[in-house]
Amino acid sequence: MKTKTLAHLGVDIAKIKFDVALYLSNGVLHQQTFANNALGFAELLGWLKARLNGSELLAGIEATGSYWMALAVKLHEQGYRVSILNPAYVKAHGQSAGLRTKTDRVDARLIADYVATHDCEDWQPLPLELEELRELMRFHADVLQLSVSASQRAEGLRTKVARQFQAEVTAWLKAYAKRVLAAARSHARQHASLKQAVSCLQSVPGIGELTALRLASELPRGRSARSVAAWAGLTPRQHVSGTSVHRRARLSKQGADHIRTSLYWPAITALRCSPAMQSFAKRLEQAQLEPMQIIAAAMHKLLRWAVGVLNSGNLFDPSLHVIS
């Protein structure tokens, strides 16, 4: 628990409006509702200025869809500290306090209390070139998933005309996904920082251009490999209690599932082709880990390698990772 030396703002945001709860450093609470648009943002800033009296502010906003982005950018531009929160952690905080009521105003107070009592990481907007690459790669993943769904749907069609139309839709989606990927590839090559990041990631065994583009667009910068692995849900979850409960360790799977999905086949490739990864897998086999546990560990190791080259800006050196 940390002392309340700042004013803390909790924001419960939705598509049309957002509720805020402001705890001043003296414990006084103010609440208000604003429209989730430019006019509402301007009204919020005036409302804050009239109450803060020059005090610093830490605003907490749950990562709910994409509704939070514009407000977070606006608050950051005004010099306020902003923290983007995991809704599951905020919910657990409310449950631990015995909270039984759920309304937008109550949720805003809960979020304000969360940022006041936890060490929350400050959020920073992405550089424009990185944000564009991320949006392109997420759009590519969405279109690719649609093409897979369309192809699977065609298997259940019995009439010729319906199958023909479905085939045309599938082909169009696949072609469109290639266009989006080509645009992302071209964009990355036009920016030195992105080009270097993709090049470094491609030097990691098992990581090809597509995975490199995804990781370059998604992985947090400047964070430890341990914290990034936890963020991606690739850290082991143990369940041991006393002498009678000793369950097999599994991945926590709490975090960025799209990163875990992106690393599965690269990990399989690295296990087949990389001496460094094979050396790592051999030690796990000697420790009597099961095949799926070894694959999960390989995904974890691959992510750590990726974070290492991304943070250092150097190509992967396999000689540092082979143990005879």
C-alpha atoms as a PDB file:
ATOM      1  CA  MET A   1       0.000   0.000   0.000  1.00  0.00           C
ATOM      2  CA  LYS A   2       1.362   3.412  -0.878  1.00  0.00           C
ATOM      3  CA  THR A   3       0.553   6.778   0.663  1.00  0.00           C
ATOM      4  CA  LYS A   4      -1.870   8.963  -1.269  1.00  0.00           C
ATOM      5  CA  THR A   5       0.411  11.848  -2.220  1.00  0.00           C
ATOM      6  CA  LEU A   6      -1.335  12.431  -5.565  1.00  0.00           C
ATOM      7  CA  ALA A   7      -4.869  13.027  -6.709  1.00  0.00           C
ATOM      8  CA  HIS A   8      -6.201   9.817  -8.228  1.00  0.00           C
ATOM      9  CA  LEU A   9      -8.732   9.633 -11.032  1.00  0.00           C
ATOM     10  CA  GLY A  10     -10.717   6.511 -11.841  1.00  0.00           C
ATOM     11  CA  VAL A  11     -12.380   6.332 -15.257  1.00  0.00           C
ATOM     12  CA  ASP A  12     -15.099   3.831 -16.129  1.00  0.00           C
ATOM     13  CA  ILE A  13     -15.405   4.242 -19.882  1.00  0.00           C
ATOM     14  CA  ALA A  14     -17.963   3.097 -22.430  1.00  0.00           C
ATOM     15  CA  LYS A  15     -18.758   3.910 -26.045  1.00  0.00           C
ATOM     16  CA  ILE A  16     -21.086   6.854 -25.413  1.00  0.00           C
ATOM     17  CA  LYS A  17     -19.974   8.259 -22.042  1.00  0.00           C
ATOM     18  CA  PHE A  18     -17.572   7.791 -19.171  1.00  0.00           C
ATOM     19  CA  ASP A  19     -17.871   8.174 -15.404  1.00  0.00           C
ATOM     20  CA  VAL A  20     -15.010   9.552 -13.331  1.00  0.00           C
ATOM     21  CA  ALA A  21     -14.196   9.516  -9.627  1.00  0.00           C
ATOM     22  CA  LEU A  22     -11.545  11.927  -8.360  1.00  0.00           C
ATOM     23  CA  TYR A  23      -9.928  11.335  -4.969  1.00  0.00           C
ATOM     24  CA  LEU A  24      -7.982  14.409  -3.897  1.00  0.00           C
ATOM     25  CA  SER A  25      -4.917  14.045  -1.694  1.00  0.00           C
ATOM     26  CA  ASN A  26      -7.009  15.111   1.339  1.00  0.00           C
ATOM     27  CA  GLY A  27      -9.456  12.225   0.723  1.00  0.00           C
ATOM     28  CA  VAL A  28     -12.305  14.332  -0.700  1.00  0.00           C
ATOM     29  CA  LEU A  29     -14.211  12.540  -3.480  1.00  0.00           C
ATOM     30  CA  HIS A  30     -15.716  14.170  -6.573  1.00  0.00           C
ATOM     31  CA  GLN A  31     -17.696  12.311  -9.255  1.00  0.00           C
ATOM     32  CA  GLN A  32     -19.061  13.297 -12.643  1.00  0.00           C
ATOM     33  CA  THR A  33     -20.175  11.882 -16.006  1.00  0.00           C
ATOM     34  CA  PHE A  34     -18.975  13.114 -19.412  1.00  0.00           C
ATOM     35  CA  ALA A  35     -19.629  12.292 -23.053  1.00  0.00           C
ATOM     36  CA  ASN A  36     -16.980  10.140 -24.712  1.00  0.00           C
ATOM     37  CA  ASN A  37     -16.121  12.693 -27.410  1.00  0.00           C
ATOM     38  CA  ALA A  38     -14.037  15.840 -27.910  1.00  0.00           C
ATOM     39  CA  LEU A  39     -16.563  18.034 -26.089  1.00  0.00           C
ATOM     40  CA  GLY A  40     -16.648  15.644 -23.128  1.00  0.00           C
ATOM     41  CA  PHE A  41     -12.838  15.608 -22.988  1.00  0.00           C
ATOM     42  CA  ALA A  42     -12.742  19.425 -22.892  1.00  0.00           C
ATOM     43  CA  GLU A  43     -15.347  19.484 -20.104  1.00  0.00           C
ATOM     44  CA  LEU A  44     -13.338  16.915 -18.132  1.00  0.00           C
ATOM     45  CA  LEU A  45     -10.154  18.978 -18.386  1.00  0.00           C
ATOM     46  CA  GLY A  46     -11.953  22.073 -17.120  1.00  0.00           C
ATOM     47  CA  TRP A  47     -13.549  20.049 -14.320  1.00  0.00           C
ATOM     48  CA  LEU A  48     -10.141  18.696 -13.272  1.00  0.00           C
ATOM     49  CA  LYS A  49      -8.443  22.100 -13.392  1.00  0.00           C
ATOM     50  CA  ALA A  50     -11.072  23.570 -11.071  1.00  0.00           C
ATOM     51  CA  ARG A  51     -10.494  20.843  -8.460  1.00  0.00           C
ATOM     52  CA  LEU A  52      -6.828  19.900  -8.614  1.00  0.00           C
ATOM     53  CA  ASN A  53      -5.448  23.332  -7.700  1.00  0.00           C
ATOM     54  CA  GLY A  54      -2.106  22.454  -9.270  1.00  0.00           C
ATOM     55  CA  SER A  55      -1.842  18.984  -7.712  1.00  0.00           C
ATOM     56  CA  GLU A  56      -0.413  16.099  -9.704  1.00  0.00           C
ATOM     57  CA  LEU A  57      -2.813  13.522 -11.079  1.00  0.00           C
ATOM     58  CA  LEU A  58      -2.638   9.805 -11.780  1.00  0.00           C
ATOM     59  CA  ALA A  59      -5.541   8.591 -13.924  1.00  0.00           C
ATOM     60  CA  GLY A  60      -6.493   4.936 -14.152  1.00  0.00           C
ATOM     61  CA  ILE A  61      -8.478   3.644 -17.133  1.00  0.00           C
ATOM     62  CA  GLU A  62      -9.472   0.041 -17.801  1.00  0.00           C
ATOM     63  CA  ALA A  63      -8.404  -1.393 -21.152  1.00  0.00           C
ATOM     64  CA  THR A  64     -11.966  -1.817 -22.420  1.00  0.00           C
ATOM     65  CA  GLY A  65     -11.979  -2.408 -26.170  1.00  0.00           C
ATOM     66  CA  SER A  66     -10.657   0.675 -27.966  1.00  0.00           C
ATOM     67  CA  TYR A  67     -12.875   3.204 -26.146  1.00  0.00           C
ATOM     68  CA  TRP A  68     -10.099   4.264 -23.771  1.00  0.00           C
ATOM     69  CA  MET A  69      -7.493   5.263 -26.351  1.00  0.00           C
ATOM     70  CA  ALA A  70      -8.632   8.802 -27.288  1.00  0.00           C
ATOM     71  CA  LEU A  71      -9.148   9.869 -23.659  1.00  0.00           C
ATOM     72  CA  ALA A  72      -5.815   8.387 -22.563  1.00  0.00           C
ATOM     73  CA  VAL A  73      -3.992  10.293 -25.327  1.00  0.00           C
ATOM     74  CA  LYS A  74      -5.786  13.522 -24.365  1.00  0.00           C
ATOM     75  CA  LEU A  75      -4.881  13.208 -20.683  1.00  0.00           C
ATOM     76  CA  HIS A  76      -1.280  12.345 -21.541  1.00  0.00           C
ATOM     77  CA  GLU A  77      -1.029  15.376 -23.828  1.00  0.00           C
ATOM     78  CA  GLN A  78      -2.114  17.564 -20.909  1.00  0.00           C
ATOM     79  CA  GLY A  79       0.782  16.269 -18.808  1.00  0.00           C
ATOM     80  CA  TYR A  80      -1.223  13.960 -16.562  1.00  0.00           C
ATOM     81  CA  ARG A  81       0.062  10.511 -15.681  1.00  0.00           C
ATOM     82  CA  VAL A  82      -2.077   7.734 -17.116  1.00  0.00           C
ATOM     83  CA  SER A  83      -2.156   4.025 -16.277  1.00  0.00           C
ATOM     84  CA  ILE A  84      -4.022   1.486 -18.413  1.00  0.00           C
ATOM     85  CA  LEU A  85      -5.369  -1.250 -16.151  1.00  0.00           C
ATOM     86  CA  ASN A  86      -6.203  -4.904 -16.614  1.00  0.00           C
ATOM     87  CA  PRO A  87      -9.972  -5.205 -15.894  1.00  0.00           C
ATOM     88  CA  ALA A  88      -9.430  -8.609 -14.256  1.00  0.00           C
ATOM     89  CA  TYR A  89      -7.089  -7.082 -11.659  1.00  0.00           C
ATOM     90  CA  VAL A  90      -9.517  -4.259 -10.897  1.00  0.00           C
ATOM     91  CA  LYS A  91     -12.353  -6.770 -10.512  1.00  0.00           C
ATOM     92  CA  ALA A  92     -10.269  -8.879  -8.123  1.00  0.00           C
ATOM     93  CA  HIS A  93      -9.500  -5.728  -6.139  1.00  0.00           C
ATOM     94  CA  GLY A  94     -13.228  -5.091  -5.737  1.00  0.00           C
ATOM     95  CA  GLN A  95     -13.886  -8.690  -4.727  1.00  0.00           C
ATOM     96  CA  SER A  96     -11.140  -8.528  -2.103  1.00  0.00           C
ATOM     97  CA  ALA A  97     -12.875  -5.464  -0.639  1.00  0.00           C
ATOM     98  CA  GLY A  98     -16.209  -7.296  -0.494  1.00  0.00           C
ATOM     99  CA  LEU A  99     -17.798  -5.020  -3.074  1.00  0.00           C
ATOM    100  CA  ARG A 100     -21.231  -6.321  -4.119  1.00  0.00           C
ATOM    101  CA  THR A 101     -22.653  -3.402  -6.128  1.00  0.00           C
ATOM    102  CA  LYS A 102     -21.742  -2.802  -9.762  1.00  0.00           C
ATOM    103  CA  THR A 103     -22.665   0.490 -11.430  1.00  0.00           C
ATOM    104  CA  ASP A 104     -20.624   2.863 -13.571  1.00  0.00           C
ATOM    105  CA  ARG A 105     -20.171   5.306 -10.673  1.00  0.00           C
ATOM    106  CA  VAL A 106     -19.156   2.519  -8.283  1.00  0.00           C
ATOM    107  CA  ASP A 107     -16.727   1.137 -10.862  1.00  0.00           C
ATOM    108  CA  ALA A 108     -15.141   4.582 -11.295  1.00  0.00           C
ATOM    109  CA  ARG A 109     -14.570   4.788  -7.522  1.00  0.00           C
ATOM    110  CA  LEU A 110     -13.146   1.263  -7.542  1.00  0.00           C
ATOM    111  CA  ILE A 111     -10.672   2.165 -10.290  1.00  0.00           C
ATOM    112  CA  ALA A 112      -9.631   5.333  -8.442  1.00  0.00           C
ATOM    113  CA  ASP A 113      -9.055   3.303  -5.286  1.00  0.00           C
ATOM    114  CA  TYR A 114      -7.054   0.729  -7.275  1.00  0.00           C
ATOM    115  CA  VAL A 115      -4.594   3.289  -8.670  1.00  0.00           C
ATOM    116  CA  ALA A 116      -4.341   4.897  -5.217  1.00  0.00           C
ATOM    117  CA  THR A 117      -3.368   1.632  -3.511  1.00  0.00           C
ATOM    118  CA  HIS A 118      -1.271  -0.113  -6.175  1.00  0.00           C
ATOM    119  CA  ASP A 119       1.999   0.632  -7.918  1.00  0.00           C
ATOM    120  CA  CYS A 120       0.635   1.205 -11.429  1.00  0.00           C
ATOM    121  CA  GLU A 121       2.870   1.515 -14.462  1.00  0.00           C
ATOM    122  CA  ASP A 122       2.676   4.770 -16.409  1.00  0.00           C
ATOM    123  CA  TRP A 123       1.318   4.449 -19.947  1.00  0.00           C
ATOM    124  CA  GLN A 124       2.997   6.090 -22.930  1.00  0.00           C
ATOM    125  CA  PRO A 125       1.475   6.483 -26.414  1.00  0.00           C
ATOM    126  CA  LEU A 126       3.230   4.471 -29.101  1.00  0.00           C
ATOM    127  CA  PRO A 127       5.369   6.231 -31.704  1.00  0.00           C
ATOM    128  CA  LEU A 128       3.233   6.815 -34.768  1.00  0.00           C
ATOM    129  CA  GLU A 129       5.203   4.435 -37.011  1.00  0.00           C
ATOM    130  CA  LEU A 130       4.936   1.629 -34.424  1.00  0.00           C
ATOM    131  CA  GLU A 131       1.223   2.233 -33.911  1.00  0.00           C
ATOM    132  CA  GLU A 132       0.624   1.983 -37.669  1.00  0.00           C
ATOM    133  CA  LEU A 133       2.543  -1.295 -37.881  1.00  0.00           C
ATOM    134  CA  ARG A 134       0.544  -2.694 -34.956  1.00  0.00           C
ATOM    135  CA  GLU A 135      -2.780  -1.724 -36.540  1.00  0.00           C
ATOM    136  CA  LEU A 136      -1.771  -3.233 -39.887  1.00  0.00           C
ATOM    137  CA  MET A 137      -0.633  -6.505 -38.325  1.00  0.00           C
ATOM    138  CA  ARG A 138      -3.783  -6.814 -36.198  1.00  0.00           C
ATOM    139  CA  PHE A 139      -5.896  -6.081 -39.257  1.00  0.00           C
ATOM    140  CA  HIS A 140      -3.978  -8.749 -41.163  1.00  0.00           C
ATOM    141  CA  ALA A 141      -4.654 -11.277 -38.401  1.00  0.00           C
ATOM    142  CA  ASP A 142      -8.370 -10.423 -38.439  1.00  0.00           C
ATOM    143  CA  VAL A 143      -8.680 -10.771 -42.224  1.00  0.00           C
ATOM    144  CA  LEU A 144      -6.693 -14.008 -42.173  1.00  0.00           C
ATOM    145  CA  GLN A 145      -9.029 -15.419 -39.506  1.00  0.00           C
ATOM    146  CA  LEU A 146     -12.029 -14.453 -41.618  1.00  0.00           C
ATOM    147  CA  SER A 147     -10.557 -16.301 -44.591  1.00  0.00           C
ATOM    148  CA  VAL A 148     -10.034 -19.424 -42.476  1.00  0.00           C
ATOM    149  CA  SER A 149     -13.623 -19.227 -41.197  1.00  0.00           C
ATOM    150  CA  ALA A 150     -14.927 -18.771 -44.755  1.00  0.00           C
ATOM    151  CA  SER A 151     -12.952 -21.778 -45.950  1.00  0.00           C
ATOM    152  CA  GLN A 152     -14.304 -23.937 -43.124  1.00  0.00           C
ATOM    153  CA  ARG A 153     -17.846 -22.766 -43.801  1.00  0.00           C
ATOM    154  CA  ALA A 154     -17.543 -23.909 -47.409  1.00  0.00           C
ATOM    155  CA  GLU A 155     -17.075 -27.497 -46.239  1.00  0.00           C
ATOM    156  CA  GLY A 156     -20.661 -27.557 -44.964  1.00  0.00           C
ATOM    157  CA  LEU A 157     -22.274 -26.248 -48.166  1.00  0.00           C
ATOM    158  CA  ARG A 158     -24.010 -28.770 -50.386  1.00  0.00           C
ATOM    159  CA  THR A 159     -25.141 -26.715 -53.387  1.00  0.00           C
ATOM    160  CA  LYS A 160     -22.834 -25.758 -56.248  1.00  0.00           C
ATOM    161  CA  VAL A 161     -23.834 -22.092 -56.439  1.00  0.00           C
ATOM    162  CA  ALA A 162     -23.344 -21.509 -52.706  1.00  0.00           C
ATOM    163  CA  ARG A 163     -19.936 -23.233 -52.790  1.00  0.00           C
ATOM    164  CA  GLN A 164     -18.897 -21.063 -55.735  1.00  0.00           C
ATOM    165  CA  PHE A 165     -19.810 -17.836 -53.942  1.00  0.00           C
ATOM    166  CA  GLN A 166     -18.111 -19.040 -50.769  1.00  0.00           C
ATOM    167  CA  ALA A 167     -14.966 -19.902 -52.723  1.00  0.00           C
ATOM    168  CA  GLU A 168     -14.916 -16.409 -54.244  1.00  0.00           C
ATOM    169  CA  VAL A 169     -15.231 -14.811 -50.808  1.00  0.00           C
ATOM    170  CA  THR A 170     -12.457 -17.013 -49.426  1.00  0.00           C
ATOM    171  CA  ALA A 171     -10.133 -16.196 -52.328  1.00  0.00           C
ATOM    172  CA  TRP A 172     -10.845 -12.474 -51.968  1.00  0.00           C
ATOM    173  CA  LEU A 173     -10.106 -12.523 -48.237  1.00  0.00           C
ATOM    174  CA  LYS A 174      -6.818 -14.371 -48.755  1.00  0.00           C
ATOM    175  CA  ALA A 175      -5.776 -11.901 -51.455  1.00  0.00           C
ATOM    176  CA  TYR A 176      -6.751  -8.970 -49.244  1.00  0.00           C
ATOM    177  CA  ALA A 177      -4.736 -10.399 -46.337  1.00  0.00           C
ATOM    178  CA  LYS A 178      -1.699 -10.526 -48.640  1.00  0.00           C
ATOM    179  CA  ARG A 179      -2.225  -6.871 -49.551  1.00  0.00           C
ATOM    180  CA  VAL A 180      -2.376  -5.860 -45.898  1.00  0.00           C
ATOM    181  CA  LEU A 181       0.774  -7.867 -45.123  1.00  0.00           C
ATOM    182  CA  ALA A 182       2.577  -6.284 -48.071  1.00  0.00           C
ATOM    183  CA  ALA A 183       1.624  -2.839 -46.758  1.00  0.00           C
ATOM    184  CA  ALA A 184       2.939  -3.750 -43.284  1.00  0.00           C
ATOM    185  CA  ARG A 185       6.169  -5.097 -44.770  1.00  0.00           C
ATOM    186  CA  SER A 186       6.663  -1.936 -46.830  1.00  0.00           C
ATOM    187  CA  HIS A 187       5.900   0.282 -43.830  1.00  0.00           C
ATOM    188  CA  ALA A 188       8.464  -1.522 -41.652  1.00  0.00           C
ATOM    189  CA  ARG A 189      11.159  -1.125 -44.301  1.00  0.00           C
ATOM    190  CA  GLN A 190      10.553   2.620 -44.520  1.00  0.00           C
ATOM    191  CA  HIS A 191      11.396   3.236 -40.849  1.00  0.00           C
ATOM    192  CA  ALA A 192      14.877   2.499 -39.559  1.00  0.00           C
ATOM    193  CA  SER A 193      13.770   1.524 -36.042  1.00  0.00           C
ATOM    194  CA  LEU A 194      11.177  -0.948 -37.310  1.00  0.00           C
ATOM    195  CA  LYS A 195      13.502  -2.335 -39.969  1.00  0.00           C
ATOM    196  CA  GLN A 196      16.190  -3.001 -37.369  1.00  0.00           C
ATOM    197  CA  ALA A 197      13.692  -4.601 -34.970  1.00  0.00           C
ATOM    198  CA  VAL A 198      12.363  -6.961 -37.655  1.00  0.00           C
ATOM    199  CA  SER A 199      15.904  -7.842 -38.761  1.00  0.00           C
ATOM    200  CA  CYS A 200      16.979  -8.652 -35.195  1.00  0.00           C
ATOM    201  CA  LEU A 201      13.891 -10.774 -34.582  1.00  0.00           C
ATOM    202  CA  GLN A 202      14.368 -12.715 -37.813  1.00  0.00           C
ATOM    203  CA  SER A 203      17.843 -13.710 -36.603  1.00  0.00           C
ATOM    204  CA  VAL A 204      16.226 -15.706 -33.770  1.00  0.00           C
ATOM    205  CA  PRO A 205      15.878 -19.421 -34.729  1.00  0.00           C
ATOM    206  CA  GLY A 206      12.356 -20.301 -35.855  1.00  0.00           C
ATOM    207  CA  ILE A 207      11.156 -16.718 -36.298  1.00  0.00           C
ATOM    208  CA  GLY A 208      10.308 -15.804 -39.887  1.00  0.00           C
ATOM    209  CA  GLU A 209       9.278 -12.483 -41.353  1.00  0.00           C
ATOM    210  CA  LEU A 210       5.577 -12.755 -40.471  1.00  0.00           C
ATOM    211  CA  THR A 211       6.251 -13.586 -36.818  1.00  0.00           C
ATOM    212  CA  ALA A 212       8.965 -10.924 -36.682  1.00  0.00           C
ATOM    213  CA  LEU A 213       6.527  -8.286 -37.904  1.00  0.00           C
ATOM    214  CA  ARG A 214       3.943  -9.356 -35.322  1.00  0.00           C
ATOM    215  CA  LEU A 215       6.423  -9.382 -32.453  1.00  0.00           C
ATOM    216  CA  ALA A 216       7.980  -6.079 -33.515  1.00  0.00           C
ATOM    217  CA  SER A 217       4.533  -4.491 -33.466  1.00  0.00           C
ATOM    218  CA  GLU A 218       3.366  -5.994 -30.169  1.00  0.00           C
ATOM    219  CA  LEU A 219       6.239  -6.626 -27.745  1.00  0.00           C
ATOM    220  CA  PRO A 220       6.760  -3.958 -25.062  1.00  0.00           C
ATOM    221  CA  ARG A 221      10.029  -2.068 -25.348  1.00  0.00           C
ATOM    222  CA  GLY A 222      12.588  -1.740 -22.577  1.00  0.00           C
ATOM    223  CA  ARG A 223      11.072  -4.343 -20.253  1.00  0.00           C
ATOM    224  CA  SER A 224      12.736  -7.442 -18.846  1.00  0.00           C
ATOM    225  CA  ALA A 225      12.240 -10.774 -20.563  1.00  0.00           C
ATOM    226  CA  ARG A 226      10.687 -12.108 -17.358  1.00  0.00           C
ATOM    227  CA  SER A 227       7.984  -9.421 -17.253  1.00  0.00           C
ATOM    228  CA  VAL A 228       7.234  -9.776 -20.966  1.00  0.00           C
ATOM    229  CA  ALA A 229       6.877 -13.551 -20.593  1.00  0.00           C
ATOM    230  CA  ALA A 230       4.396 -12.967 -17.749  1.00  0.00           C
ATOM    231  CA  TRP A 231       2.555 -10.396 -19.902  1.00  0.00           C
ATOM    232  CA  ALA A 232       2.244 -13.000 -22.665  1.00  0.00           C
ATOM    233  CA  GLY A 233       1.007 -15.712 -20.285  1.00  0.00           C
ATOM    234  CA  LEU A 234       4.046 -17.919 -20.935  1.00  0.00           C
ATOM    235  CA  THR A 235       5.202 -18.276 -17.340  1.00  0.00           C
ATOM    236  CA  PRO A 236       4.476 -21.560 -15.517  1.00  0.00           C
ATOM    237  CA  ARG A 237       1.674 -21.812 -12.993  1.00  0.00           C
ATOM    238  CA  GLN A 238       2.439 -24.202 -10.168  1.00  0.00           C
ATOM    239  CA  HIS A 239      -0.121 -25.817  -7.864  1.00  0.00           C
ATOM    240  CA  VAL A 240       1.505 -27.367  -4.803  1.00  0.00           C
ATOM    241  CA  SER A 241      -0.046 -27.668  -1.346  1.00  0.00           C
ATOM    242  CA  GLY A 242       1.330 -29.711   1.528  1.00  0.00           C
ATOM    243  CA  THR A 243       2.389 -33.258   0.702  1.00  0.00           C
ATOM    244  CA  SER A 244      -0.736 -34.492  -1.096  1.00  0.00           C
ATOM    245  CA  VAL A 245      -1.302 -31.840  -3.810  1.00  0.00           C
ATOM    246  CA  HIS A 246       1.416 -31.568  -6.432  1.00  0.00           C
ATOM    247  CA  ARG A 247      -0.129 -30.922  -9.820  1.00  0.00           C
ATOM    248  CA  ARG A 248       1.764 -30.645 -13.060  1.00  0.00           C
ATOM    249  CA  ALA A 249       2.912 -27.107 -13.874  1.00  0.00           C
ATOM    250  CA  ARG A 250       1.063 -25.442 -16.752  1.00  0.00           C
ATOM    251  CA  LEU A 251       1.265 -22.150 -18.586  1.00  0.00           C
ATOM    252  CA  SER A 252      -0.609 -19.387 -16.818  1.00  0.00           C
ATOM    253  CA  LYS A 253      -2.202 -18.252 -20.124  1.00  0.00           C
ATOM    254  CA  GLN A 254      -3.020 -14.927 -18.482  1.00  0.00           C
ATOM    255  CA  GLY A 255      -2.122 -12.278 -20.983  1.00  0.00           C
ATOM    256  CA  ALA A 256      -1.631 -11.684 -24.689  1.00  0.00           C
ATOM    257  CA  ASP A 257      -3.015 -14.868 -26.251  1.00  0.00           C
ATOM    258  CA  HIS A 258      -2.197 -13.627 -29.774  1.00  0.00           C
ATOM    259  CA  ILE A 259       1.501 -13.640 -28.850  1.00  0.00           C
ATOM    260  CA  ARG A 260       1.296 -17.223 -27.577  1.00  0.00           C
ATOM    261  CA  THR A 261      -0.469 -18.245 -30.786  1.00  0.00           C
ATOM    262  CA  SER A 262       2.232 -16.567 -32.873  1.00  0.00           C
ATOM    263  CA  LEU A 263       5.020 -18.442 -31.083  1.00  0.00           C
ATOM    264  CA  TYR A 264       3.718 -22.020 -31.256  1.00  0.00           C
ATOM    265  CA  TRP A 265       4.904 -22.979 -34.743  1.00  0.00           C
ATOM    266  CA  PRO A 266       8.147 -20.967 -34.519  1.00  0.00           C
ATOM    267  CA  ALA A 267       8.926 -22.937 -31.342  1.00  0.00           C
ATOM    268  CA  ILE A 268       8.261 -26.228 -33.166  1.00  0.00           C
ATOM    269  CA  THR A 269      10.591 -25.089 -35.968  1.00  0.00           C
ATOM    270  CA  ALA A 270      13.303 -24.060 -33.504  1.00  0.00           C
ATOM    271  CA  LEU A 271      13.098 -27.435 -31.745  1.00  0.00           C
ATOM    272  CA  ARG A 272      13.676 -29.155 -35.091  1.00  0.00           C
ATOM    273  CA  CYS A 273      16.360 -26.911 -36.557  1.00  0.00           C
ATOM    274  CA  SER A 274      18.173 -24.926 -33.865  1.00  0.00           C
ATOM    275  CA  PRO A 275      21.074 -26.504 -31.945  1.00  0.00           C
ATOM    276  CA  ALA A 276      20.582 -23.908 -29.232  1.00  0.00           C
ATOM    277  CA  MET A 277      16.939 -24.874 -28.727  1.00  0.00           C
ATOM    278  CA  GLN A 278      17.710 -28.585 -29.063  1.00  0.00           C
ATOM    279  CA  SER A 279      20.310 -28.248 -26.309  1.00  0.00           C
ATOM    280  CA  PHE A 280      17.683 -26.604 -24.117  1.00  0.00           C
ATOM    281  CA  ALA A 281      15.097 -29.300 -24.934  1.00  0.00           C
ATOM    282  CA  LYS A 282      17.568 -32.064 -24.140  1.00  0.00           C
ATOM    283  CA  ARG A 283      17.971 -30.780 -20.597  1.00  0.00           C
ATOM    284  CA  LEU A 284      14.188 -30.709 -20.211  1.00  0.00           C
ATOM    285  CA  GLU A 285      13.890 -34.287 -21.484  1.00  0.00           C
ATOM    286  CA  GLN A 286      16.475 -35.387 -18.917  1.00  0.00           C
ATOM    287  CA  ALA A 287      14.319 -33.698 -16.290  1.00  0.00           C
ATOM    288  CA  GLN A 288      11.450 -35.949 -17.521  1.00  0.00           C
ATOM    289  CA  LEU A 289       9.212 -33.162 -18.831  1.00  0.00           C
ATOM    290  CA  GLU A 290       6.431 -34.229 -21.193  1.00  0.00           C
ATOM    291  CA  PRO A 291       6.448 -33.212 -24.900  1.00  0.00           C
ATOM    292  CA  MET A 292       3.832 -30.458 -24.549  1.00  0.00           C
ATOM    293  CA  GLN A 293       5.685 -29.052 -21.537  1.00  0.00           C
ATOM    294  CA  ILE A 294       8.852 -28.903 -23.624  1.00  0.00           C
ATOM    295  CA  ILE A 295       7.025 -27.070 -26.414  1.00  0.00           C
ATOM    296  CA  ALA A 296       5.636 -24.568 -23.915  1.00  0.00           C
ATOM    297  CA  ALA A 297       9.106 -24.066 -22.448  1.00  0.00           C
ATOM    298  CA  ALA A 298      10.467 -23.584 -25.970  1.00  0.00           C
ATOM    299  CA  MET A 299       7.852 -20.867 -26.609  1.00  0.00           C
ATOM    300  CA  HIS A 300       8.923 -19.196 -23.369  1.00  0.00           C
ATOM    301  CA  LYS A 301      12.599 -19.430 -24.335  1.00  0.00           C
ATOM    302  CA  LEU A 302      11.893 -18.112 -27.835  1.00  0.00           C
ATOM    303  CA  LEU A 303      10.100 -15.092 -26.394  1.00  0.00           C
ATOM    304  CA  ARG A 304      13.019 -14.395 -24.073  1.00  0.00           C
ATOM    305  CA  TRP A 305      15.419 -14.532 -27.019  1.00  0.00           C
ATOM    306  CA  ALA A 306      13.152 -12.189 -28.966  1.00  0.00           C
ATOM    307  CA  VAL A 307      13.016  -9.694 -26.103  1.00  0.00           C
ATOM    308  CA  GLY A 308      16.800  -9.899 -25.752  1.00  0.00           C
ATOM    309  CA  VAL A 309      17.565  -9.004 -29.370  1.00  0.00           C
ATOM    310  CA  LEU A 310      14.817  -6.376 -29.435  1.00  0.00           C
ATOM    311  CA  ASN A 311      16.151  -4.600 -26.337  1.00  0.00           C
ATOM    312  CA  SER A 312      19.812  -4.858 -27.338  1.00  0.00           C
ATOM    313  CA  GLY A 313      19.435  -4.136 -31.040  1.00  0.00           C
ATOM    314  CA  ASN A 314      21.884  -6.973 -31.797  1.00  0.00           C
ATOM    315  CA  LEU A 315      21.412 -10.089 -33.881  1.00  0.00           C
ATOM    316  CA  PHE A 316      20.913 -13.414 -32.114  1.00  0.00           C
ATOM    317  CA  ASP A 317      24.190 -15.171 -31.274  1.00  0.00           C
ATOM    318  CA  PRO A 318      23.573 -18.968 -31.083  1.00  0.00           C
ATOM    319  CA  SER A 319      27.026 -19.616 -29.612  1.00  0.00           C
ATOM    320  CA  LEU A 320      25.868 -18.040 -26.345  1.00  0.00           C
ATOM    321  CA  HIS A 321      23.038 -20.534 -25.909  1.00  0.00           C
ATOM    322  CA  VAL A 322      24.416 -23.976 -26.824  1.00  0.00           C
ATOM    323  CA  ILE A 323      25.421 -26.151 -23.856  1.00  0.00           C
ATOM    324  CA  SER A 324      27.232 -29.352 -24.743  1.00  0.00           C
END
